[in-house]
Amino acid sequence: MTDFNDADVSGLDEFVLARLAEDEERVRAGKLPYIDEAERRGWLRIMPARGEDGRDGLLLAAGPLETAEERRPVPFAEKVEFLRKEILGSHDDDSVKLIASVYQAHPLWREAWRH
């Protein structure tokens, strides 16, 4: 996996946050957000999970982990809130790169971010 310097990762954070805001605009316009399309294609999965503290939350994972029958859909607004916390709070580089991969076709995407 490629090593990223702080400037690259910081730029990636800003890129992903801007794309999430665009996805929110897509929802308001009645269009499918790219995050949901990525889930449908099996590129990533955002699913309900119970934390070690016993509280309900969400989990981000690469690829489909559940069969279609096992899936419990997560409302888009909850996904976006969770993903923003992942980026701004815990900031796991691998999670940020996974989220960013959804938006690789965007014209502001930088090849340096590809992993």
PDB file of N, CA and C in Angstrom:
ATOM      1  N   MET A   1       0.848  -1.178   0.000  1.00  0.00           N
ATOM      2  CA  MET A   1       0.000   0.000   0.000  1.00  0.00           C
ATOM      3  C   MET A   1       0.893   1.241   0.000  1.00  0.00           C
ATOM      4  N   THR A   2       0.451   2.250  -0.678  1.00  0.00           N
ATOM      5  CA  THR A   2       1.206   3.482  -0.815  1.00  0.00           C
ATOM      6  C   THR A   2       1.247   4.238   0.504  1.00  0.00           C
ATOM      7  N   ASP A   3       2.396   4.842   0.802  1.00  0.00           N
ATOM      8  CA  ASP A   3       2.494   5.726   1.962  1.00  0.00           C
ATOM      9  C   ASP A   3       2.031   7.111   1.541  1.00  0.00           C
ATOM     10  N   PHE A   4       1.252   7.742   2.368  1.00  0.00           N
ATOM     11  CA  PHE A   4       0.760   9.077   2.083  1.00  0.00           C
ATOM     12  C   PHE A   4       1.348  10.038   3.096  1.00  0.00           C
ATOM     13  N   ASN A   5       1.770  11.218   2.615  1.00  0.00           N
ATOM     14  CA  ASN A   5       2.230  12.217   3.579  1.00  0.00           C
ATOM     15  C   ASN A   5       1.015  12.961   4.118  1.00  0.00           C
ATOM     16  N   ASP A   6       1.215  13.780   5.154  1.00  0.00           N
ATOM     17  CA  ASP A   6       0.096  14.466   5.810  1.00  0.00           C
ATOM     18  C   ASP A   6      -0.688  15.360   4.856  1.00  0.00           C
ATOM     19  N   ALA A   7       0.011  16.017   3.919  1.00  0.00           N
ATOM     20  CA  ALA A   7      -0.680  16.899   2.983  1.00  0.00           C
ATOM     21  C   ALA A   7      -1.621  16.090   2.089  1.00  0.00           C
ATOM     22  N   ASP A   8      -1.155  14.916   1.621  1.00  0.00           N
ATOM     23  CA  ASP A   8      -1.998  14.076   0.780  1.00  0.00           C
ATOM     24  C   ASP A   8      -3.236  13.621   1.538  1.00  0.00           C
ATOM     25  N   VAL A   9      -3.053  13.157   2.763  1.00  0.00           N
ATOM     26  CA  VAL A   9      -4.177  12.666   3.558  1.00  0.00           C
ATOM     27  C   VAL A   9      -5.134  13.800   3.886  1.00  0.00           C
ATOM     28  N   SER A  10      -4.598  14.967   4.224  1.00  0.00           N
ATOM     29  CA  SER A  10      -5.452  16.110   4.525  1.00  0.00           C
ATOM     30  C   SER A  10      -6.285  16.482   3.303  1.00  0.00           C
ATOM     31  N   GLY A  11      -5.674  16.517   2.160  1.00  0.00           N
ATOM     32  CA  GLY A  11      -6.410  16.816   0.938  1.00  0.00           C
ATOM     33  C   GLY A  11      -7.468  15.774   0.649  1.00  0.00           C
ATOM     34  N   LEU A  12      -7.163  14.533   0.952  1.00  0.00           N
ATOM     35  CA  LEU A  12      -8.114  13.452   0.747  1.00  0.00           C
ATOM     36  C   LEU A  12      -9.320  13.619   1.662  1.00  0.00           C
ATOM     37  N   ASP A  13      -9.063  13.991   2.910  1.00  0.00           N
ATOM     38  CA  ASP A  13     -10.167  14.259   3.843  1.00  0.00           C
ATOM     39  C   ASP A  13     -11.112  15.316   3.274  1.00  0.00           C
ATOM     40  N   GLU A  14     -10.541  16.421   2.835  1.00  0.00           N
ATOM     41  CA  GLU A  14     -11.350  17.515   2.294  1.00  0.00           C
ATOM     42  C   GLU A  14     -12.120  17.060   1.063  1.00  0.00           C
ATOM     43  N   PHE A  15     -11.467  16.292   0.206  1.00  0.00           N
ATOM     44  CA  PHE A  15     -12.104  15.767  -0.994  1.00  0.00           C
ATOM     45  C   PHE A  15     -13.317  14.912  -0.623  1.00  0.00           C
ATOM     46  N   VAL A  16     -13.142  13.989   0.309  1.00  0.00           N
ATOM     47  CA  VAL A  16     -14.235  13.088   0.686  1.00  0.00           C
ATOM     48  C   VAL A  16     -15.373  13.860   1.357  1.00  0.00           C
ATOM     49  N   LEU A  17     -15.058  14.773   2.238  1.00  0.00           N
ATOM     50  CA  LEU A  17     -16.107  15.563   2.885  1.00  0.00           C
ATOM     51  C   LEU A  17     -16.921  16.352   1.865  1.00  0.00           C
ATOM     52  N   ALA A  18     -16.254  16.896   0.862  1.00  0.00           N
ATOM     53  CA  ALA A  18     -16.957  17.635  -0.195  1.00  0.00           C
ATOM     54  C   ALA A  18     -17.845  16.696  -1.020  1.00  0.00           C
ATOM     55  N   ARG A  19     -17.362  15.486  -1.281  1.00  0.00           N
ATOM     56  CA  ARG A  19     -18.165  14.524  -2.050  1.00  0.00           C
ATOM     57  C   ARG A  19     -19.375  14.052  -1.246  1.00  0.00           C
ATOM     58  N   LEU A  20     -19.220  13.885   0.058  1.00  0.00           N
ATOM     59  CA  LEU A  20     -20.366  13.519   0.897  1.00  0.00           C
ATOM     60  C   LEU A  20     -21.423  14.621   0.851  1.00  0.00           C
ATOM     61  N   ALA A  21     -20.978  15.880   0.864  1.00  0.00           N
ATOM     62  CA  ALA A  21     -21.921  16.999   0.756  1.00  0.00           C
ATOM     63  C   ALA A  21     -22.633  16.964  -0.600  1.00  0.00           C
ATOM     64  N   GLU A  22     -21.899  16.616  -1.653  1.00  0.00           N
ATOM     65  CA  GLU A  22     -22.530  16.487  -2.967  1.00  0.00           C
ATOM     66  C   GLU A  22     -23.538  15.329  -2.981  1.00  0.00           C
ATOM     67  N   ASP A  23     -23.210  14.243  -2.300  1.00  0.00           N
ATOM     68  CA  ASP A  23     -24.161  13.131  -2.200  1.00  0.00           C
ATOM     69  C   ASP A  23     -25.444  13.581  -1.491  1.00  0.00           C
ATOM     70  N   GLU A  24     -25.298  14.417  -0.466  1.00  0.00           N
ATOM     71  CA  GLU A  24     -26.490  14.938   0.213  1.00  0.00           C
ATOM     72  C   GLU A  24     -27.340  15.751  -0.761  1.00  0.00           C
ATOM     73  N   GLU A  25     -26.682  16.533  -1.614  1.00  0.00           N
ATOM     74  CA  GLU A  25     -27.406  17.304  -2.621  1.00  0.00           C
ATOM     75  C   GLU A  25     -28.111  16.371  -3.603  1.00  0.00           C
ATOM     76  N   ARG A  26     -27.459  15.274  -3.968  1.00  0.00           N
ATOM     77  CA  ARG A  26     -28.075  14.297  -4.870  1.00  0.00           C
ATOM     78  C   ARG A  26     -29.354  13.733  -4.248  1.00  0.00           C
ATOM     79  N   VAL A  27     -29.306  13.427  -2.960  1.00  0.00           N
ATOM     80  CA  VAL A  27     -30.490  12.895  -2.274  1.00  0.00           C
ATOM     81  C   VAL A  27     -31.617  13.923  -2.303  1.00  0.00           C
ATOM     82  N   ARG A  28     -31.281  15.175  -1.998  1.00  0.00           N
ATOM     83  CA  ARG A  28     -32.308  16.231  -2.021  1.00  0.00           C
ATOM     84  C   ARG A  28     -32.921  16.395  -3.421  1.00  0.00           C
ATOM     85  N   ALA A  29     -32.135  16.114  -4.453  1.00  0.00           N
ATOM     86  CA  ALA A  29     -32.615  16.219  -5.836  1.00  0.00           C
ATOM     87  C   ALA A  29     -33.318  14.944  -6.298  1.00  0.00           C
ATOM     88  N   GLY A  30     -33.442  13.966  -5.395  1.00  0.00           N
ATOM     89  CA  GLY A  30     -34.130  12.727  -5.737  1.00  0.00           C
ATOM     90  C   GLY A  30     -33.262  11.731  -6.488  1.00  0.00           C
ATOM     91  N   LYS A  31     -31.939  11.919  -6.451  1.00  0.00           N
ATOM     92  CA  LYS A  31     -31.010  11.020  -7.144  1.00  0.00           C
ATOM     93  C   LYS A  31     -30.337  10.078  -6.150  1.00  0.00           C
ATOM     94  N   LEU A  32     -29.862   8.955  -6.662  1.00  0.00           N
ATOM     95  CA  LEU A  32     -29.151   7.983  -5.846  1.00  0.00           C
ATOM     96  C   LEU A  32     -27.770   8.525  -5.486  1.00  0.00           C
ATOM     97  N   PRO A  33     -27.415   8.576  -4.188  1.00  0.00           N
ATOM     98  CA  PRO A  33     -26.074   9.035  -3.817  1.00  0.00           C
ATOM     99  C   PRO A  33     -25.026   7.990  -4.205  1.00  0.00           C
ATOM    100  N   TYR A  34     -23.836   8.449  -4.500  1.00  0.00           N
ATOM    101  CA  TYR A  34     -22.762   7.547  -4.929  1.00  0.00           C
ATOM    102  C   TYR A  34     -22.403   6.520  -3.850  1.00  0.00           C
ATOM    103  N   ILE A  35     -22.525   6.901  -2.578  1.00  0.00           N
ATOM    104  CA  ILE A  35     -22.250   5.945  -1.491  1.00  0.00           C
ATOM    105  C   ILE A  35     -23.226   4.767  -1.580  1.00  0.00           C
ATOM    106  N   ASP A  36     -24.494   5.042  -1.805  1.00  0.00           N
ATOM    107  CA  ASP A  36     -25.482   3.963  -1.926  1.00  0.00           C
ATOM    108  C   ASP A  36     -25.221   3.116  -3.164  1.00  0.00           C
ATOM    109  N   GLU A  37     -24.840   3.760  -4.258  1.00  0.00           N
ATOM    110  CA  GLU A  37     -24.518   3.011  -5.472  1.00  0.00           C
ATOM    111  C   GLU A  37     -23.326   2.086  -5.227  1.00  0.00           C
ATOM    112  N   ALA A  38     -22.324   2.563  -4.505  1.00  0.00           N
ATOM    113  CA  ALA A  38     -21.155   1.739  -4.192  1.00  0.00           C
ATOM    114  C   ALA A  38     -21.545   0.528  -3.349  1.00  0.00           C
ATOM    115  N   GLU A  39     -22.465   0.722  -2.418  1.00  0.00           N
ATOM    116  CA  GLU A  39     -22.951  -0.417  -1.628  1.00  0.00           C
ATOM    117  C   GLU A  39     -23.687  -1.422  -2.505  1.00  0.00           C
ATOM    118  N   ARG A  40     -24.522  -0.925  -3.395  1.00  0.00           N
ATOM    119  CA  ARG A  40     -25.261  -1.823  -4.285  1.00  0.00           C
ATOM    120  C   ARG A  40     -24.321  -2.638  -5.169  1.00  0.00           C
ATOM    121  N   ARG A  41     -23.200  -2.036  -5.545  1.00  0.00           N
ATOM    122  CA  ARG A  41     -22.224  -2.733  -6.395  1.00  0.00           C
ATOM    123  C   ARG A  41     -21.289  -3.642  -5.592  1.00  0.00           C
ATOM    124  N   GLY A  42     -21.385  -3.569  -4.257  1.00  0.00           N
ATOM    125  CA  GLY A  42     -20.564  -4.428  -3.416  1.00  0.00           C
ATOM    126  C   GLY A  42     -19.158  -3.904  -3.164  1.00  0.00           C
ATOM    127  N   TRP A  43     -18.934  -2.613  -3.401  1.00  0.00           N
ATOM    128  CA  TRP A  43     -17.601  -2.034  -3.191  1.00  0.00           C
ATOM    129  C   TRP A  43     -17.312  -1.787  -1.718  1.00  0.00           C
ATOM    130  N   LEU A  44     -18.335  -1.448  -0.974  1.00  0.00           N
ATOM    131  CA  LEU A  44     -18.196  -1.234   0.467  1.00  0.00           C
ATOM    132  C   LEU A  44     -19.529  -1.532   1.110  1.00  0.00           C
ATOM    133  N   ARG A  45     -19.500  -1.603   2.432  1.00  0.00           N
ATOM    134  CA  ARG A  45     -20.730  -1.889   3.180  1.00  0.00           C
ATOM    135  C   ARG A  45     -20.736  -1.057   4.450  1.00  0.00           C
ATOM    136  N   ILE A  46     -21.852  -0.407   4.704  1.00  0.00           N
ATOM    137  CA  ILE A  46     -22.069   0.316   5.950  1.00  0.00           C
ATOM    138  C   ILE A  46     -23.240  -0.394   6.616  1.00  0.00           C
ATOM    139  N   MET A  47     -22.966  -0.982   7.773  1.00  0.00           N
ATOM    140  CA  MET A  47     -23.985  -1.834   8.398  1.00  0.00           C
ATOM    141  C   MET A  47     -24.107  -1.558   9.887  1.00  0.00           C
ATOM    142  N   PRO A  48     -25.273  -1.882  10.437  1.00  0.00           N
ATOM    143  CA  PRO A  48     -25.449  -1.748  11.885  1.00  0.00           C
ATOM    144  C   PRO A  48     -24.502  -2.693  12.619  1.00  0.00           C
ATOM    145  N   ALA A  49     -24.006  -2.239  13.750  1.00  0.00           N
ATOM    146  CA  ALA A  49     -23.111  -3.060  14.575  1.00  0.00           C
ATOM    147  C   ALA A  49     -23.259  -2.638  16.022  1.00  0.00           C
ATOM    148  N   ARG A  50     -22.900  -3.545  16.911  1.00  0.00           N
ATOM    149  CA  ARG A  50     -22.915  -3.246  18.349  1.00  0.00           C
ATOM    150  C   ARG A  50     -21.464  -3.112  18.798  1.00  0.00           C
ATOM    151  N   GLY A  51     -21.149  -1.982  19.421  1.00  0.00           N
ATOM    152  CA  GLY A  51     -19.789  -1.721  19.889  1.00  0.00           C
ATOM    153  C   GLY A  51     -19.444  -2.516  21.131  1.00  0.00           C
ATOM    154  N   GLU A  52     -18.167  -2.489  21.481  1.00  0.00           N
ATOM    155  CA  GLU A  52     -17.699  -3.181  22.689  1.00  0.00           C
ATOM    156  C   GLU A  52     -18.382  -2.652  23.945  1.00  0.00           C
ATOM    157  N   ASP A  53     -18.809  -1.387  23.874  1.00  0.00           N
ATOM    158  CA  ASP A  53     -19.489  -0.780  25.020  1.00  0.00           C
ATOM    159  C   ASP A  53     -20.980  -1.146  25.062  1.00  0.00           C
ATOM    160  N   GLY A  54     -21.423  -1.960  24.101  1.00  0.00           N
ATOM    161  CA  GLY A  54     -22.814  -2.397  24.078  1.00  0.00           C
ATOM    162  C   GLY A  54     -23.759  -1.457  23.356  1.00  0.00           C
ATOM    163  N   ARG A  55     -23.235  -0.327  22.876  1.00  0.00           N
ATOM    164  CA  ARG A  55     -24.091   0.635  22.182  1.00  0.00           C
ATOM    165  C   ARG A  55     -24.173   0.293  20.698  1.00  0.00           C
ATOM    166  N   ASP A  56     -25.330   0.588  20.116  1.00  0.00           N
ATOM    167  CA  ASP A  56     -25.513   0.375  18.688  1.00  0.00           C
ATOM    168  C   ASP A  56     -24.761   1.454  17.926  1.00  0.00           C
ATOM    169  N   GLY A  57     -24.229   1.070  16.781  1.00  0.00           N
ATOM    170  CA  GLY A  57     -23.519   2.005  15.928  1.00  0.00           C
ATOM    171  C   GLY A  57     -23.480   1.459  14.512  1.00  0.00           C
ATOM    172  N   LEU A  58     -22.530   1.946  13.747  1.00  0.00           N
ATOM    173  CA  LEU A  58     -22.365   1.489  12.376  1.00  0.00           C
ATOM    174  C   LEU A  58     -20.936   1.015  12.175  1.00  0.00           C
ATOM    175  N   LEU A  59     -20.760   0.205  11.145  1.00  0.00           N
ATOM    176  CA  LEU A  59     -19.458  -0.353  10.808  1.00  0.00           C
ATOM    177  C   LEU A  59     -19.252  -0.181   9.314  1.00  0.00           C
ATOM    178  N   LEU A  60     -18.061   0.263   8.920  1.00  0.00           N
ATOM    179  CA  LEU A  60     -17.681   0.397   7.523  1.00  0.00           C
ATOM    180  C   LEU A  60     -16.765  -0.753   7.172  1.00  0.00           C
ATOM    181  N   ALA A  61     -17.055  -1.438   6.064  1.00  0.00           N
ATOM    182  CA  ALA A  61     -16.218  -2.564   5.638  1.00  0.00           C
ATOM    183  C   ALA A  61     -16.100  -2.555   4.118  1.00  0.00           C
ATOM    184  N   ALA A  62     -15.004  -3.116   3.634  1.00  0.00           N
ATOM    185  CA  ALA A  62     -14.800  -3.253   2.194  1.00  0.00           C
ATOM    186  C   ALA A  62     -15.587  -4.454   1.697  1.00  0.00           C
ATOM    187  N   GLY A  63     -16.286  -4.279   0.599  1.00  0.00           N
ATOM    188  CA  GLY A  63     -16.992  -5.384  -0.031  1.00  0.00           C
ATOM    189  C   GLY A  63     -18.250  -5.796   0.694  1.00  0.00           C
ATOM    190  N   PRO A  64     -19.033  -6.644   0.041  1.00  0.00           N
ATOM    191  CA  PRO A  64     -20.265  -7.135   0.661  1.00  0.00           C
ATOM    192  C   PRO A  64     -19.936  -8.208   1.696  1.00  0.00           C
ATOM    193  N   LEU A  65     -20.465  -8.068   2.898  1.00  0.00           N
ATOM    194  CA  LEU A  65     -20.197  -9.026   3.968  1.00  0.00           C
ATOM    195  C   LEU A  65     -21.430  -9.835   4.343  1.00  0.00           C
ATOM    196  N   GLU A  66     -22.556  -9.426   3.831  1.00  0.00           N
ATOM    197  CA  GLU A  66     -23.812 -10.080   4.176  1.00  0.00           C
ATOM    198  C   GLU A  66     -24.519 -10.473   2.888  1.00  0.00           C
ATOM    199  N   THR A  67     -25.332 -11.481   2.969  1.00  0.00           N
ATOM    200  CA  THR A  67     -26.175 -11.788   1.820  1.00  0.00           C
ATOM    201  C   THR A  67     -27.278 -10.743   1.753  1.00  0.00           C
ATOM    202  N   ALA A  68     -27.897 -10.630   0.611  1.00  0.00           N
ATOM    203  CA  ALA A  68     -28.970  -9.642   0.442  1.00  0.00           C
ATOM    204  C   ALA A  68     -30.079  -9.839   1.470  1.00  0.00           C
ATOM    205  N   GLU A  69     -30.334 -11.085   1.845  1.00  0.00           N
ATOM    206  CA  GLU A  69     -31.390 -11.364   2.812  1.00  0.00           C
ATOM    207  C   GLU A  69     -31.028 -10.902   4.227  1.00  0.00           C
ATOM    208  N   GLU A  70     -29.740 -10.838   4.532  1.00  0.00           N
ATOM    209  CA  GLU A  70     -29.292 -10.456   5.872  1.00  0.00           C
ATOM    210  C   GLU A  70     -29.170  -8.944   6.056  1.00  0.00           C
ATOM    211  N   ARG A  71     -29.150  -8.203   4.985  1.00  0.00           N
ATOM    212  CA  ARG A  71     -28.908  -6.759   5.069  1.00  0.00           C
ATOM    213  C   ARG A  71     -30.041  -6.018   5.737  1.00  0.00           C
ATOM    214  N   ARG A  72     -29.635  -5.108   6.609  1.00  0.00           N
ATOM    215  CA  ARG A  72     -30.572  -4.155   7.199  1.00  0.00           C
ATOM    216  C   ARG A  72     -30.134  -2.788   6.703  1.00  0.00           C
ATOM    217  N   PRO A  73     -30.916  -2.167   5.833  1.00  0.00           N
ATOM    218  CA  PRO A  73     -30.498  -0.884   5.267  1.00  0.00           C
ATOM    219  C   PRO A  73     -30.296   0.180   6.336  1.00  0.00           C
ATOM    220  N   VAL A  74     -29.278   1.000   6.123  1.00  0.00           N
ATOM    221  CA  VAL A  74     -28.995   2.128   7.001  1.00  0.00           C
ATOM    222  C   VAL A  74     -29.435   3.384   6.259  1.00  0.00           C
ATOM    223  N   PRO A  75     -30.271   4.219   6.876  1.00  0.00           N
ATOM    224  CA  PRO A  75     -30.698   5.454   6.209  1.00  0.00           C
ATOM    225  C   PRO A  75     -29.494   6.311   5.801  1.00  0.00           C
ATOM    226  N   PHE A  76     -29.624   6.958   4.651  1.00  0.00           N
ATOM    227  CA  PHE A  76     -28.517   7.740   4.112  1.00  0.00           C
ATOM    228  C   PHE A  76     -28.006   8.781   5.104  1.00  0.00           C
ATOM    229  N   ALA A  77     -28.889   9.498   5.769  1.00  0.00           N
ATOM    230  CA  ALA A  77     -28.458  10.544   6.715  1.00  0.00           C
ATOM    231  C   ALA A  77     -27.569   9.963   7.823  1.00  0.00           C
ATOM    232  N   GLU A  78     -27.898   8.773   8.290  1.00  0.00           N
ATOM    233  CA  GLU A  78     -27.069   8.118   9.319  1.00  0.00           C
ATOM    234  C   GLU A  78     -25.710   7.721   8.756  1.00  0.00           C
ATOM    235  N   LYS A  79     -25.692   7.259   7.504  1.00  0.00           N
ATOM    236  CA  LYS A  79     -24.425   6.900   6.868  1.00  0.00           C
ATOM    237  C   LYS A  79     -23.493   8.097   6.794  1.00  0.00           C
ATOM    238  N   VAL A  80     -24.034   9.216   6.310  1.00  0.00           N
ATOM    239  CA  VAL A  80     -23.209  10.420   6.137  1.00  0.00           C
ATOM    240  C   VAL A  80     -22.675  10.900   7.482  1.00  0.00           C
ATOM    241  N   GLU A  81     -23.517  10.909   8.496  1.00  0.00           N
ATOM    242  CA  GLU A  81     -23.077  11.322   9.830  1.00  0.00           C
ATOM    243  C   GLU A  81     -21.952  10.411  10.318  1.00  0.00           C
ATOM    244  N   PHE A  82     -22.127   9.114  10.164  1.00  0.00           N
ATOM    245  CA  PHE A  82     -21.115   8.142  10.566  1.00  0.00           C
ATOM    246  C   PHE A  82     -19.811   8.341   9.792  1.00  0.00           C
ATOM    247  N   LEU A  83     -19.914   8.510   8.477  1.00  0.00           N
ATOM    248  CA  LEU A  83     -18.705   8.657   7.660  1.00  0.00           C
ATOM    249  C   LEU A  83     -17.951   9.948   7.996  1.00  0.00           C
ATOM    250  N   ARG A  84     -18.685  11.007   8.257  1.00  0.00           N
ATOM    251  CA  ARG A  84     -18.012  12.259   8.671  1.00  0.00           C
ATOM    252  C   ARG A  84     -17.258  12.059   9.990  1.00  0.00           C
ATOM    253  N   LYS A  85     -17.873  11.346  10.925  1.00  0.00           N
ATOM    254  CA  LYS A  85     -17.191  11.070  12.198  1.00  0.00           C
ATOM    255  C   LYS A  85     -15.951  10.222  11.973  1.00  0.00           C
ATOM    256  N   GLU A  86     -16.027   9.269  11.043  1.00  0.00           N
ATOM    257  CA  GLU A  86     -14.864   8.439  10.713  1.00  0.00           C
ATOM    258  C   GLU A  86     -13.713   9.307  10.210  1.00  0.00           C
ATOM    259  N   ILE A  87     -14.041  10.290   9.388  1.00  0.00           N
ATOM    260  CA  ILE A  87     -13.021  11.143   8.784  1.00  0.00           C
ATOM    261  C   ILE A  87     -12.499  12.164   9.786  1.00  0.00           C
ATOM    262  N   LEU A  88     -13.391  12.839  10.476  1.00  0.00           N
ATOM    263  CA  LEU A  88     -12.993  13.935  11.367  1.00  0.00           C
ATOM    264  C   LEU A  88     -12.609  13.478  12.764  1.00  0.00           C
ATOM    265  N   GLY A  89     -13.163  12.357  13.200  1.00  0.00           N
ATOM    266  CA  GLY A  89     -12.923  11.896  14.565  1.00  0.00           C
ATOM    267  C   GLY A  89     -11.814  10.878  14.651  1.00  0.00           C
ATOM    268  N   SER A  90     -12.158   9.637  14.431  1.00  0.00           N
ATOM    269  CA  SER A  90     -11.183   8.553  14.600  1.00  0.00           C
ATOM    270  C   SER A  90     -10.127   8.560  13.515  1.00  0.00           C
ATOM    271  N   HIS A  91     -10.440   9.068  12.360  1.00  0.00           N
ATOM    272  CA  HIS A  91      -9.549   9.195  11.206  1.00  0.00           C
ATOM    273  C   HIS A  91      -8.632   7.991  10.996  1.00  0.00           C
ATOM    274  N   ASP A  92      -9.224   6.922  10.572  1.00  0.00           N
ATOM    275  CA  ASP A  92      -8.463   5.753  10.152  1.00  0.00           C
ATOM    276  C   ASP A  92      -8.159   5.933   8.671  1.00  0.00           C
ATOM    277  N   ASP A  93      -6.876   6.005   8.310  1.00  0.00           N
ATOM    278  CA  ASP A  93      -6.499   6.263   6.916  1.00  0.00           C
ATOM    279  C   ASP A  93      -7.124   5.258   5.955  1.00  0.00           C
ATOM    280  N   ASP A  94      -7.146   3.982   6.333  1.00  0.00           N
ATOM    281  CA  ASP A  94      -7.720   2.972   5.451  1.00  0.00           C
ATOM    282  C   ASP A  94      -9.210   3.206   5.218  1.00  0.00           C
ATOM    283  N   SER A  95      -9.918   3.634   6.254  1.00  0.00           N
ATOM    284  CA  SER A  95     -11.348   3.936   6.097  1.00  0.00           C
ATOM    285  C   SER A  95     -11.553   5.127   5.169  1.00  0.00           C
ATOM    286  N   VAL A  96     -10.742   6.151   5.353  1.00  0.00           N
ATOM    287  CA  VAL A  96     -10.857   7.340   4.498  1.00  0.00           C
ATOM    288  C   VAL A  96     -10.591   6.958   3.042  1.00  0.00           C
ATOM    289  N   LYS A  97      -9.569   6.147   2.809  1.00  0.00           N
ATOM    290  CA  LYS A  97      -9.251   5.720   1.437  1.00  0.00           C
ATOM    291  C   LYS A  97     -10.376   4.865   0.851  1.00  0.00           C
ATOM    292  N   LEU A  98     -10.991   4.020   1.657  1.00  0.00           N
ATOM    293  CA  LEU A  98     -12.106   3.202   1.186  1.00  0.00           C
ATOM    294  C   LEU A  98     -13.283   4.085   0.782  1.00  0.00           C
ATOM    295  N   ILE A  99     -13.614   5.046   1.609  1.00  0.00           N
ATOM    296  CA  ILE A  99     -14.709   5.972   1.297  1.00  0.00           C
ATOM    297  C   ILE A  99     -14.355   6.757   0.027  1.00  0.00           C
ATOM    298  N   ALA A 100     -13.130   7.233  -0.047  1.00  0.00           N
ATOM    299  CA  ALA A 100     -12.694   8.026  -1.203  1.00  0.00           C
ATOM    300  C   ALA A 100     -12.762   7.232  -2.499  1.00  0.00           C
ATOM    301  N   SER A 101     -12.544   5.934  -2.422  1.00  0.00           N
ATOM    302  CA  SER A 101     -12.537   5.116  -3.633  1.00  0.00           C
ATOM    303  C   SER A 101     -13.868   5.164  -4.376  1.00  0.00           C
ATOM    304  N   VAL A 102     -14.932   5.481  -3.665  1.00  0.00           N
ATOM    305  CA  VAL A 102     -16.257   5.610  -4.282  1.00  0.00           C
ATOM    306  C   VAL A 102     -16.261   6.748  -5.302  1.00  0.00           C
ATOM    307  N   TYR A 103     -15.433   7.747  -5.076  1.00  0.00           N
ATOM    308  CA  TYR A 103     -15.466   8.982  -5.864  1.00  0.00           C
ATOM    309  C   TYR A 103     -14.283   9.114  -6.832  1.00  0.00           C
ATOM    310  N   GLN A 104     -13.641   8.006  -7.197  1.00  0.00           N
ATOM    311  CA  GLN A 104     -12.463   8.057  -8.061  1.00  0.00           C
ATOM    312  C   GLN A 104     -12.736   8.654  -9.442  1.00  0.00           C
ATOM    313  N   ALA A 105     -13.968   8.607  -9.909  1.00  0.00           N
ATOM    314  CA  ALA A 105     -14.285   9.156 -11.228  1.00  0.00           C
ATOM    315  C   ALA A 105     -14.487  10.673 -11.203  1.00  0.00           C
ATOM    316  N   HIS A 106     -14.485  11.259 -10.014  1.00  0.00           N
ATOM    317  CA  HIS A 106     -14.696  12.704  -9.889  1.00  0.00           C
ATOM    318  C   HIS A 106     -13.496  13.453 -10.483  1.00  0.00           C
ATOM    319  N   PRO A 107     -13.718  14.581 -11.156  1.00  0.00           N
ATOM    320  CA  PRO A 107     -12.608  15.305 -11.793  1.00  0.00           C
ATOM    321  C   PRO A 107     -11.549  15.846 -10.821  1.00  0.00           C
ATOM    322  N   LEU A 108     -11.884  16.005  -9.548  1.00  0.00           N
ATOM    323  CA  LEU A 108     -10.892  16.500  -8.578  1.00  0.00           C
ATOM    324  C   LEU A 108     -10.085  15.381  -7.928  1.00  0.00           C
ATOM    325  N   TRP A 109     -10.360  14.136  -8.295  1.00  0.00           N
ATOM    326  CA  TRP A 109      -9.618  12.985  -7.774  1.00  0.00           C
ATOM    327  C   TRP A 109      -8.154  13.106  -8.181  1.00  0.00           C
ATOM    328  N   ARG A 110      -7.250  12.773  -7.260  1.00  0.00           N
ATOM    329  CA  ARG A 110      -5.807  12.774  -7.547  1.00  0.00           C
ATOM    330  C   ARG A 110      -5.306  11.329  -7.562  1.00  0.00           C
ATOM    331  N   GLU A 111      -4.524  11.005  -8.551  1.00  0.00           N
ATOM    332  CA  GLU A 111      -3.982   9.635  -8.651  1.00  0.00           C
ATOM    333  C   GLU A 111      -3.128   9.272  -7.439  1.00  0.00           C
ATOM    334  N   ALA A 112      -2.541  10.250  -6.774  1.00  0.00           N
ATOM    335  CA  ALA A 112      -1.714  10.000  -5.586  1.00  0.00           C
ATOM    336  C   ALA A 112      -2.534   9.356  -4.467  1.00  0.00           C
ATOM    337  N   TRP A 113      -3.860   9.475  -4.520  1.00  0.00           N
ATOM    338  CA  TRP A 113      -4.710   8.909  -3.474  1.00  0.00           C
ATOM    339  C   TRP A 113      -5.037   7.447  -3.711  1.00  0.00           C
ATOM    340  N   ARG A 114      -4.782   6.973  -4.914  1.00  0.00           N
ATOM    341  CA  ARG A 114      -5.136   5.580  -5.230  1.00  0.00           C
ATOM    342  C   ARG A 114      -4.303   4.640  -4.383  1.00  0.00           C
ATOM    343  N   HIS A 115      -4.924   3.615  -3.843  1.00  0.00           N
ATOM    344  CA  HIS A 115      -4.170   2.657  -3.012  1.00  0.00           C
ATOM    345  C   HIS A 115      -4.166   1.306  -3.634  1.00  0.00           C
TER     346      HIS A 115
END
